[in-house]
Amino acid sequence: MLFLTLFEIVGYLISIVVTLVIVQFVMSLLISFNVVNLHNNVVAAIWHAVNALLEPVLRPIRKIMPATGALDLSPMVLIIGLTIVQIVLKNMAYAALY
């Protein structure tokens, strides 16, 4: 029962990180297409906060991955890795119940 609770907590934290990655992606598109700009204090604050939260997680992934030019695939690798962790923990939690 304890493992199932831990799985739910970790799953919730993973969903928060995935949401932050999606927010960062959408904001980067909006900034690059000049829909919003960093001269707006609210946009700049959100952009810097999201980058400050995700950069410690994405930096080690970027070091391991080969250079792909202007295309940064580290957020996708992070989402895939977190999804794999979530699947493994779910299966371990269900195996502990039976």
PDB file of N, CA and C in Angstrom:
ATOM      1  N   MET A   1       0.821  -1.192   0.000  1.00  0.00           N
ATOM      2  CA  MET A   1       0.000   0.000   0.000  1.00  0.00           C
ATOM      3  C   MET A   1       0.862   1.252   0.000  1.00  0.00           C
ATOM      4  N   LEU A   2       1.986   1.200   0.721  1.00  0.00           N
ATOM      5  CA  LEU A   2       2.891   2.341   0.773  1.00  0.00           C
ATOM      6  C   LEU A   2       3.500   2.612  -0.593  1.00  0.00           C
ATOM      7  N   PHE A   3       3.836   1.540  -1.313  1.00  0.00           N
ATOM      8  CA  PHE A   3       4.437   1.708  -2.633  1.00  0.00           C
ATOM      9  C   PHE A   3       3.457   2.339  -3.613  1.00  0.00           C
ATOM     10  N   LEU A   4       2.178   2.003  -3.486  1.00  0.00           N
ATOM     11  CA  LEU A   4       1.161   2.602  -4.346  1.00  0.00           C
ATOM     12  C   LEU A   4       1.035   4.095  -4.070  1.00  0.00           C
ATOM     13  N   THR A   5       1.131   4.485  -2.817  1.00  0.00           N
ATOM     14  CA  THR A   5       1.097   5.909  -2.458  1.00  0.00           C
ATOM     15  C   THR A   5       2.310   6.636  -3.020  1.00  0.00           C
ATOM     16  N   LEU A   6       3.486   6.035  -2.891  1.00  0.00           N
ATOM     17  CA  LEU A   6       4.689   6.640  -3.451  1.00  0.00           C
ATOM     18  C   LEU A   6       4.598   6.770  -4.966  1.00  0.00           C
ATOM     19  N   PHE A   7       4.022   5.758  -5.627  1.00  0.00           N
ATOM     20  CA  PHE A   7       3.828   5.822  -7.066  1.00  0.00           C
ATOM     21  C   PHE A   7       2.933   6.998  -7.448  1.00  0.00           C
ATOM     22  N   GLU A   8       1.868   7.209  -6.705  1.00  0.00           N
ATOM     23  CA  GLU A   8       0.962   8.314  -7.015  1.00  0.00           C
ATOM     24  C   GLU A   8       1.641   9.666  -6.799  1.00  0.00           C
ATOM     25  N   ILE A   9       2.456   9.777  -5.756  1.00  0.00           N
ATOM     26  CA  ILE A   9       3.171  11.033  -5.509  1.00  0.00           C
ATOM     27  C   ILE A   9       4.181  11.300  -6.621  1.00  0.00           C
ATOM     28  N   VAL A  10       4.955  10.285  -6.976  1.00  0.00           N
ATOM     29  CA  VAL A  10       5.942  10.447  -8.048  1.00  0.00           C
ATOM     30  C   VAL A  10       5.239  10.729  -9.379  1.00  0.00           C
ATOM     31  N   GLY A  11       4.120  10.071  -9.622  1.00  0.00           N
ATOM     32  CA  GLY A  11       3.354  10.333 -10.836  1.00  0.00           C
ATOM     33  C   GLY A  11       2.860  11.762 -10.914  1.00  0.00           C
ATOM     34  N   TYR A  12       2.447  12.300  -9.788  1.00  0.00           N
ATOM     35  CA  TYR A  12       2.001  13.696  -9.744  1.00  0.00           C
ATOM     36  C   TYR A  12       3.165  14.639 -10.032  1.00  0.00           C
ATOM     37  N   LEU A  13       4.327  14.367  -9.450  1.00  0.00           N
ATOM     38  CA  LEU A  13       5.506  15.201  -9.694  1.00  0.00           C
ATOM     39  C   LEU A  13       5.956  15.110 -11.151  1.00  0.00           C
ATOM     40  N   ILE A  14       5.875  13.930 -11.729  1.00  0.00           N
ATOM     41  CA  ILE A  14       6.224  13.760 -13.138  1.00  0.00           C
ATOM     42  C   ILE A  14       5.278  14.563 -14.018  1.00  0.00           C
ATOM     43  N   SER A  15       3.998  14.565 -13.707  1.00  0.00           N
ATOM     44  CA  SER A  15       3.048  15.336 -14.515  1.00  0.00           C
ATOM     45  C   SER A  15       3.323  16.833 -14.414  1.00  0.00           C
ATOM     46  N   ILE A  16       3.803  17.294 -13.269  1.00  0.00           N
ATOM     47  CA  ILE A  16       4.163  18.710 -13.128  1.00  0.00           C
ATOM     48  C   ILE A  16       5.358  19.036 -14.018  1.00  0.00           C
ATOM     49  N   VAL A  17       6.368  18.175 -14.026  1.00  0.00           N
ATOM     50  CA  VAL A  17       7.554  18.420 -14.852  1.00  0.00           C
ATOM     51  C   VAL A  17       7.190  18.393 -16.335  1.00  0.00           C
ATOM     52  N   VAL A  18       6.359  17.444 -16.743  1.00  0.00           N
ATOM     53  CA  VAL A  18       5.937  17.369 -18.147  1.00  0.00           C
ATOM     54  C   VAL A  18       5.159  18.629 -18.528  1.00  0.00           C
ATOM     55  N   THR A  19       4.317  19.115 -17.644  1.00  0.00           N
ATOM     56  CA  THR A  19       3.583  20.352 -17.906  1.00  0.00           C
ATOM     57  C   THR A  19       4.534  21.530 -18.054  1.00  0.00           C
ATOM     58  N   LEU A  20       5.563  21.595 -17.225  1.00  0.00           N
ATOM     59  CA  LEU A  20       6.555  22.665 -17.343  1.00  0.00           C
ATOM     60  C   LEU A  20       7.299  22.586 -18.675  1.00  0.00           C
ATOM     61  N   VAL A  21       7.615  21.389 -19.134  1.00  0.00           N
ATOM     62  CA  VAL A  21       8.282  21.229 -20.428  1.00  0.00           C
ATOM     63  C   VAL A  21       7.386  21.727 -21.549  1.00  0.00           C
ATOM     64  N   ILE A  22       6.107  21.411 -21.481  1.00  0.00           N
ATOM     65  CA  ILE A  22       5.163  21.869 -22.514  1.00  0.00           C
ATOM     66  C   ILE A  22       5.019  23.385 -22.471  1.00  0.00           C
ATOM     67  N   VAL A  23       4.953  23.958 -21.277  1.00  0.00           N
ATOM     68  CA  VAL A  23       4.868  25.420 -21.141  1.00  0.00           C
ATOM     69  C   VAL A  23       6.120  26.068 -21.728  1.00  0.00           C
ATOM     70  N   GLN A  24       7.282  25.502 -21.451  1.00  0.00           N
ATOM     71  CA  GLN A  24       8.521  26.052 -21.999  1.00  0.00           C
ATOM     72  C   GLN A  24       8.518  25.980 -23.523  1.00  0.00           C
ATOM     73  N   PHE A  25       8.056  24.876 -24.080  1.00  0.00           N
ATOM     74  CA  PHE A  25       8.006  24.718 -25.529  1.00  0.00           C
ATOM     75  C   PHE A  25       7.071  25.744 -26.164  1.00  0.00           C
ATOM     76  N   VAL A  26       5.869  25.877 -25.621  1.00  0.00           N
ATOM     77  CA  VAL A  26       4.892  26.823 -26.177  1.00  0.00           C
ATOM     78  C   VAL A  26       5.411  28.255 -26.051  1.00  0.00           C
ATOM     79  N   MET A  27       5.987  28.576 -24.893  1.00  0.00           N
ATOM     80  CA  MET A  27       6.517  29.930 -24.720  1.00  0.00           C
ATOM     81  C   MET A  27       7.668  30.210 -25.679  1.00  0.00           C
ATOM     82  N   SER A  28       8.524  29.218 -25.920  1.00  0.00           N
ATOM     83  CA  SER A  28       9.631  29.443 -26.851  1.00  0.00           C
ATOM     84  C   SER A  28       9.117  29.688 -28.264  1.00  0.00           C
ATOM     85  N   LEU A  29       8.050  28.989 -28.641  1.00  0.00           N
ATOM     86  CA  LEU A  29       7.447  29.256 -29.951  1.00  0.00           C
ATOM     87  C   LEU A  29       6.842  30.651 -30.009  1.00  0.00           C
ATOM     88  N   LEU A  30       6.111  31.040 -28.964  1.00  0.00           N
ATOM     89  CA  LEU A  30       5.494  32.364 -28.940  1.00  0.00           C
ATOM     90  C   LEU A  30       6.547  33.467 -28.951  1.00  0.00           C
ATOM     91  N   ILE A  31       7.651  33.249 -28.271  1.00  0.00           N
ATOM     92  CA  ILE A  31       8.716  34.251 -28.247  1.00  0.00           C
ATOM     93  C   ILE A  31       9.428  34.305 -29.597  1.00  0.00           C
ATOM     94  N   SER A  32       9.708  33.148 -30.184  1.00  0.00           N
ATOM     95  CA  SER A  32      10.442  33.144 -31.457  1.00  0.00           C
ATOM     96  C   SER A  32       9.610  33.699 -32.607  1.00  0.00           C
ATOM     97  N   PHE A  33       8.294  33.535 -32.568  1.00  0.00           N
ATOM     98  CA  PHE A  33       7.428  34.110 -33.603  1.00  0.00           C
ATOM     99  C   PHE A  33       6.941  35.511 -33.243  1.00  0.00           C
ATOM    100  N   ASN A  34       7.493  36.060 -32.180  1.00  0.00           N
ATOM    101  CA  ASN A  34       7.236  37.436 -31.744  1.00  0.00           C
ATOM    102  C   ASN A  34       5.754  37.687 -31.428  1.00  0.00           C
ATOM    103  N   VAL A  35       5.077  36.675 -30.944  1.00  0.00           N
ATOM    104  CA  VAL A  35       3.707  36.851 -30.463  1.00  0.00           C
ATOM    105  C   VAL A  35       3.746  37.543 -29.099  1.00  0.00           C
ATOM    106  N   VAL A  36       4.665  37.097 -28.264  1.00  0.00           N
ATOM    107  CA  VAL A  36       4.955  37.761 -26.993  1.00  0.00           C
ATOM    108  C   VAL A  36       6.453  38.036 -26.973  1.00  0.00           C
ATOM    109  N   ASN A  37       6.865  38.995 -26.172  1.00  0.00           N
ATOM    110  CA  ASN A  37       8.300  39.253 -26.083  1.00  0.00           C
ATOM    111  C   ASN A  37       8.719  39.367 -24.629  1.00  0.00           C
ATOM    112  N   LEU A  38      10.011  39.280 -24.439  1.00  0.00           N
ATOM    113  CA  LEU A  38      10.554  39.276 -23.087  1.00  0.00           C
ATOM    114  C   LEU A  38      10.622  40.669 -22.472  1.00  0.00           C
ATOM    115  N   HIS A  39      10.209  41.689 -23.210  1.00  0.00           N
ATOM    116  CA  HIS A  39      10.142  43.036 -22.634  1.00  0.00           C
ATOM    117  C   HIS A  39       8.956  43.170 -21.681  1.00  0.00           C
ATOM    118  N   ASN A  40       7.972  42.291 -21.837  1.00  0.00           N
ATOM    119  CA  ASN A  40       6.845  42.241 -20.907  1.00  0.00           C
ATOM    120  C   ASN A  40       7.340  41.569 -19.624  1.00  0.00           C
ATOM    121  N   ASN A  41       7.161  42.226 -18.500  1.00  0.00           N
ATOM    122  CA  ASN A  41       7.702  41.717 -17.231  1.00  0.00           C
ATOM    123  C   ASN A  41       7.091  40.384 -16.819  1.00  0.00           C
ATOM    124  N   VAL A  42       5.807  40.199 -17.070  1.00  0.00           N
ATOM    125  CA  VAL A  42       5.148  38.934 -16.697  1.00  0.00           C
ATOM    126  C   VAL A  42       5.693  37.788 -17.530  1.00  0.00           C
ATOM    127  N   VAL A  43       5.812  38.011 -18.833  1.00  0.00           N
ATOM    128  CA  VAL A  43       6.335  36.970 -19.726  1.00  0.00           C
ATOM    129  C   VAL A  43       7.776  36.639 -19.354  1.00  0.00           C
ATOM    130  N   ALA A  44       8.571  37.659 -19.091  1.00  0.00           N
ATOM    131  CA  ALA A  44       9.972  37.435 -18.724  1.00  0.00           C
ATOM    132  C   ALA A  44      10.083  36.675 -17.403  1.00  0.00           C
ATOM    133  N   ALA A  45       9.239  37.002 -16.448  1.00  0.00           N
ATOM    134  CA  ALA A  45       9.285  36.315 -15.154  1.00  0.00           C
ATOM    135  C   ALA A  45       8.902  34.843 -15.295  1.00  0.00           C
ATOM    136  N   ILE A  46       7.856  34.574 -16.061  1.00  0.00           N
ATOM    137  CA  ILE A  46       7.441  33.178 -16.272  1.00  0.00           C
ATOM    138  C   ILE A  46       8.522  32.421 -17.029  1.00  0.00           C
ATOM    139  N   TRP A  47       9.087  33.033 -18.067  1.00  0.00           N
ATOM    140  CA  TRP A  47      10.117  32.386 -18.880  1.00  0.00           C
ATOM    141  C   TRP A  47      11.352  32.041 -18.038  1.00  0.00           C
ATOM    142  N   HIS A  48      11.798  32.980 -17.229  1.00  0.00           N
ATOM    143  CA  HIS A  48      12.974  32.737 -16.402  1.00  0.00           C
ATOM    144  C   HIS A  48      12.686  31.706 -15.305  1.00  0.00           C
ATOM    145  N   ALA A  49      11.483  31.714 -14.757  1.00  0.00           N
ATOM    146  CA  ALA A  49      11.129  30.741 -13.722  1.00  0.00           C
ATOM    147  C   ALA A  49      11.080  29.325 -14.296  1.00  0.00           C
ATOM    148  N   VAL A  50      10.452  29.172 -15.452  1.00  0.00           N
ATOM    149  CA  VAL A  50      10.361  27.843 -16.076  1.00  0.00           C
ATOM    150  C   VAL A  50      11.753  27.340 -16.450  1.00  0.00           C
ATOM    151  N   ASN A  51      12.582  28.220 -17.016  1.00  0.00           N
ATOM    152  CA  ASN A  51      13.940  27.808 -17.376  1.00  0.00           C
ATOM    153  C   ASN A  51      14.781  27.485 -16.145  1.00  0.00           C
ATOM    154  N   ALA A  52      14.599  28.232 -15.073  1.00  0.00           N
ATOM    155  CA  ALA A  52      15.354  27.954 -13.844  1.00  0.00           C
ATOM    156  C   ALA A  52      14.958  26.605 -13.245  1.00  0.00           C
ATOM    157  N   LEU A  53      13.698  26.221 -13.385  1.00  0.00           N
ATOM    158  CA  LEU A  53      13.247  24.931 -12.858  1.00  0.00           C
ATOM    159  C   LEU A  53      13.690  23.761 -13.735  1.00  0.00           C
ATOM    160  N   LEU A  54      13.693  23.951 -15.054  1.00  0.00           N
ATOM    161  CA  LEU A  54      13.987  22.841 -15.952  1.00  0.00           C
ATOM    162  C   LEU A  54      15.466  22.697 -16.304  1.00  0.00           C
ATOM    163  N   GLU A  55      16.225  23.766 -16.243  1.00  0.00           N
ATOM    164  CA  GLU A  55      17.623  23.701 -16.673  1.00  0.00           C
ATOM    165  C   GLU A  55      18.454  22.683 -15.889  1.00  0.00           C
ATOM    166  N   PRO A  56      18.321  22.559 -14.562  1.00  0.00           N
ATOM    167  CA  PRO A  56      19.107  21.529 -13.865  1.00  0.00           C
ATOM    168  C   PRO A  56      18.764  20.107 -14.291  1.00  0.00           C
ATOM    169  N   VAL A  57      17.567  19.897 -14.791  1.00  0.00           N
ATOM    170  CA  VAL A  57      17.168  18.561 -15.235  1.00  0.00           C
ATOM    171  C   VAL A  57      17.597  18.323 -16.682  1.00  0.00           C
ATOM    172  N   LEU A  58      17.509  19.365 -17.508  1.00  0.00           N
ATOM    173  CA  LEU A  58      17.820  19.207 -18.928  1.00  0.00           C
ATOM    174  C   LEU A  58      19.320  19.264 -19.227  1.00  0.00           C
ATOM    175  N   ARG A  59      20.106  19.944 -18.413  1.00  0.00           N
ATOM    176  CA  ARG A  59      21.543  20.095 -18.669  1.00  0.00           C
ATOM    177  C   ARG A  59      22.269  18.759 -18.772  1.00  0.00           C
ATOM    178  N   PRO A  60      22.066  17.802 -17.841  1.00  0.00           N
ATOM    179  CA  PRO A  60      22.769  16.508 -17.985  1.00  0.00           C
ATOM    180  C   PRO A  60      22.338  15.742 -19.239  1.00  0.00           C
ATOM    181  N   ILE A  61      21.083  15.885 -19.629  1.00  0.00           N
ATOM    182  CA  ILE A  61      20.609  15.214 -20.839  1.00  0.00           C
ATOM    183  C   ILE A  61      21.289  15.823 -22.062  1.00  0.00           C
ATOM    184  N   ARG A  62      21.437  17.143 -22.087  1.00  0.00           N
ATOM    185  CA  ARG A  62      22.099  17.809 -23.211  1.00  0.00           C
ATOM    186  C   ARG A  62      23.562  17.411 -23.320  1.00  0.00           C
ATOM    187  N   LYS A  63      24.215  17.143 -22.187  1.00  0.00           N
ATOM    188  CA  LYS A  63      25.616  16.734 -22.214  1.00  0.00           C
ATOM    189  C   LYS A  63      25.780  15.351 -22.825  1.00  0.00           C
ATOM    190  N   ILE A  64      24.821  14.475 -22.587  1.00  0.00           N
ATOM    191  CA  ILE A  64      24.904  13.101 -23.075  1.00  0.00           C
ATOM    192  C   ILE A  64      24.525  13.005 -24.546  1.00  0.00           C
ATOM    193  N   MET A  65      23.536  13.773 -24.967  1.00  0.00           N
ATOM    194  CA  MET A  65      23.010  13.669 -26.333  1.00  0.00           C
ATOM    195  C   MET A  65      23.987  14.239 -27.356  1.00  0.00           C
ATOM    196  N   PRO A  66      23.981  13.670 -28.570  1.00  0.00           N
ATOM    197  CA  PRO A  66      24.817  14.252 -29.630  1.00  0.00           C
ATOM    198  C   PRO A  66      24.225  15.580 -30.096  1.00  0.00           C
ATOM    199  N   ALA A  67      25.076  16.412 -30.668  1.00  0.00           N
ATOM    200  CA  ALA A  67      24.632  17.721 -31.163  1.00  0.00           C
ATOM    201  C   ALA A  67      23.707  17.539 -32.358  1.00  0.00           C
ATOM    202  N   THR A  68      22.558  18.196 -32.315  1.00  0.00           N
ATOM    203  CA  THR A  68      21.595  18.108 -33.417  1.00  0.00           C
ATOM    204  C   THR A  68      21.374  19.469 -34.064  1.00  0.00           C
ATOM    205  N   GLY A  69      22.293  20.374 -33.867  1.00  0.00           N
ATOM    206  CA  GLY A  69      22.150  21.700 -34.462  1.00  0.00           C
ATOM    207  C   GLY A  69      21.235  22.566 -33.631  1.00  0.00           C
ATOM    208  N   ALA A  70      20.333  23.239 -34.298  1.00  0.00           N
ATOM    209  CA  ALA A  70      19.423  24.160 -33.610  1.00  0.00           C
ATOM    210  C   ALA A  70      18.268  23.444 -32.925  1.00  0.00           C
ATOM    211  N   LEU A  71      18.090  22.158 -33.220  1.00  0.00           N
ATOM    212  CA  LEU A  71      16.974  21.397 -32.662  1.00  0.00           C
ATOM    213  C   LEU A  71      17.377  20.775 -31.326  1.00  0.00           C
ATOM    214  N   ASP A  72      16.701  21.162 -30.260  1.00  0.00           N
ATOM    215  CA  ASP A  72      16.993  20.640 -28.920  1.00  0.00           C
ATOM    216  C   ASP A  72      16.000  19.531 -28.597  1.00  0.00           C
ATOM    217  N   LEU A  73      16.485  18.305 -28.561  1.00  0.00           N
ATOM    218  CA  LEU A  73      15.623  17.155 -28.300  1.00  0.00           C
ATOM    219  C   LEU A  73      15.624  16.729 -26.839  1.00  0.00           C
ATOM    220  N   SER A  74      16.350  17.447 -25.988  1.00  0.00           N
ATOM    221  CA  SER A  74      16.436  17.043 -24.586  1.00  0.00           C
ATOM    222  C   SER A  74      15.084  17.085 -23.864  1.00  0.00           C
ATOM    223  N   PRO A  75      14.170  18.020 -24.143  1.00  0.00           N
ATOM    224  CA  PRO A  75      12.862  17.935 -23.474  1.00  0.00           C
ATOM    225  C   PRO A  75      12.081  16.668 -23.835  1.00  0.00           C
ATOM    226  N   MET A  76      12.193  16.243 -25.100  1.00  0.00           N
ATOM    227  CA  MET A  76      11.505  15.024 -25.505  1.00  0.00           C
ATOM    228  C   MET A  76      12.112  13.807 -24.806  1.00  0.00           C
ATOM    229  N   VAL A  77      13.445  13.778 -24.686  1.00  0.00           N
ATOM    230  CA  VAL A  77      14.118  12.683 -23.997  1.00  0.00           C
ATOM    231  C   VAL A  77      13.705  12.665 -22.527  1.00  0.00           C
ATOM    232  N   LEU A  78      13.591  13.842 -21.928  1.00  0.00           N
ATOM    233  CA  LEU A  78      13.150  13.936 -20.525  1.00  0.00           C
ATOM    234  C   LEU A  78      11.744  13.380 -20.358  1.00  0.00           C
ATOM    235  N   ILE A  79      10.830  13.756 -21.234  1.00  0.00           N
ATOM    236  CA  ILE A  79       9.449  13.266 -21.132  1.00  0.00           C
ATOM    237  C   ILE A  79       9.405  11.750 -21.318  1.00  0.00           C
ATOM    238  N   ILE A  80      10.148  11.230 -22.291  1.00  0.00           N
ATOM    239  CA  ILE A  80      10.163   9.786 -22.514  1.00  0.00           C
ATOM    240  C   ILE A  80      10.753   9.069 -21.303  1.00  0.00           C
ATOM    241  N   GLY A  81      11.842   9.595 -20.768  1.00  0.00           N
ATOM    242  CA  GLY A  81      12.460   8.975 -19.590  1.00  0.00           C
ATOM    243  C   GLY A  81      11.548   8.979 -18.381  1.00  0.00           C
ATOM    244  N   LEU A  82      10.868  10.098 -18.150  1.00  0.00           N
ATOM    245  CA  LEU A  82       9.945  10.166 -17.015  1.00  0.00           C
ATOM    246  C   LEU A  82       8.754   9.233 -17.200  1.00  0.00           C
ATOM    247  N   THR A  83       8.302   9.088 -18.435  1.00  0.00           N
ATOM    248  CA  THR A  83       7.192   8.169 -18.705  1.00  0.00           C
ATOM    249  C   THR A  83       7.618   6.727 -18.444  1.00  0.00           C
ATOM    250  N   ILE A  84       8.851   6.383 -18.824  1.00  0.00           N
ATOM    251  CA  ILE A  84       9.358   5.038 -18.558  1.00  0.00           C
ATOM    252  C   ILE A  84       9.459   4.791 -17.057  1.00  0.00           C
ATOM    253  N   VAL A  85       9.960   5.769 -16.319  1.00  0.00           N
ATOM    254  CA  VAL A  85      10.043   5.646 -14.858  1.00  0.00           C
ATOM    255  C   VAL A  85       8.652   5.452 -14.262  1.00  0.00           C
ATOM    256  N   GLN A  86       7.684   6.199 -14.758  1.00  0.00           N
ATOM    257  CA  GLN A  86       6.323   6.094 -14.251  1.00  0.00           C
ATOM    258  C   GLN A  86       5.735   4.708 -14.531  1.00  0.00           C
ATOM    259  N   ILE A  87       5.995   4.168 -15.701  1.00  0.00           N
ATOM    260  CA  ILE A  87       5.487   2.835 -16.043  1.00  0.00           C
ATOM    261  C   ILE A  87       6.123   1.774 -15.148  1.00  0.00           C
ATOM    262  N   VAL A  88       7.427   1.869 -14.936  1.00  0.00           N
ATOM    263  CA  VAL A  88       8.125   0.893 -14.092  1.00  0.00           C
ATOM    264  C   VAL A  88       7.599   0.954 -12.661  1.00  0.00           C
ATOM    265  N   LEU A  89       7.442   2.167 -12.139  1.00  0.00           N
ATOM    266  CA  LEU A  89       6.929   2.302 -10.770  1.00  0.00           C
ATOM    267  C   LEU A  89       5.499   1.789 -10.646  1.00  0.00           C
ATOM    268  N   LYS A  90       4.685   2.021 -11.668  1.00  0.00           N
ATOM    269  CA  LYS A  90       3.309   1.527 -11.636  1.00  0.00           C
ATOM    270  C   LYS A  90       3.286   0.008 -11.587  1.00  0.00           C
ATOM    271  N   ASN A  91       4.108  -0.612 -12.421  1.00  0.00           N
ATOM    272  CA  ASN A  91       4.140  -2.069 -12.426  1.00  0.00           C
ATOM    273  C   ASN A  91       4.680  -2.632 -11.115  1.00  0.00           C
ATOM    274  N   MET A  92       5.649  -1.952 -10.521  1.00  0.00           N
ATOM    275  CA  MET A  92       6.172  -2.400  -9.228  1.00  0.00           C
ATOM    276  C   MET A  92       5.112  -2.224  -8.124  1.00  0.00           C
ATOM    277  N   ALA A  93       4.350  -1.150  -8.209  1.00  0.00           N
ATOM    278  CA  ALA A  93       3.311  -0.932  -7.191  1.00  0.00           C
ATOM    279  C   ALA A  93       2.230  -1.982  -7.294  1.00  0.00           C
ATOM    280  N   TYR A  94       1.826  -2.318  -8.501  1.00  0.00           N
ATOM    281  CA  TYR A  94       0.793  -3.336  -8.668  1.00  0.00           C
ATOM    282  C   TYR A  94       1.319  -4.723  -8.306  1.00  0.00           C
ATOM    283  N   ALA A  95       2.606  -4.975  -8.575  1.00  0.00           N
ATOM    284  CA  ALA A  95       3.185  -6.281  -8.217  1.00  0.00           C
ATOM    285  C   ALA A  95       3.286  -6.421  -6.699  1.00  0.00           C
ATOM    286  N   ALA A  96       3.490  -5.306  -5.997  1.00  0.00           N
ATOM    287  CA  ALA A  96       3.583  -5.367  -4.543  1.00  0.00           C
ATOM    288  C   ALA A  96       2.231  -5.643  -3.905  1.00  0.00           C
ATOM    289  N   LEU A  97       1.150  -5.315  -4.615  1.00  0.00           N
ATOM    290  CA  LEU A  97      -0.182  -5.557  -4.060  1.00  0.00           C
ATOM    291  C   LEU A  97      -0.550  -7.045  -4.126  1.00  0.00           C
ATOM    292  N   TYR A  98      -0.031  -7.763  -5.104  1.00  0.00           N
ATOM    293  CA  TYR A  98      -0.420  -9.167  -5.295  1.00  0.00           C
ATOM    294  C   TYR A  98       0.687 -10.109  -4.977  1.00  0.00           C
TER     295      TYR A  98
END
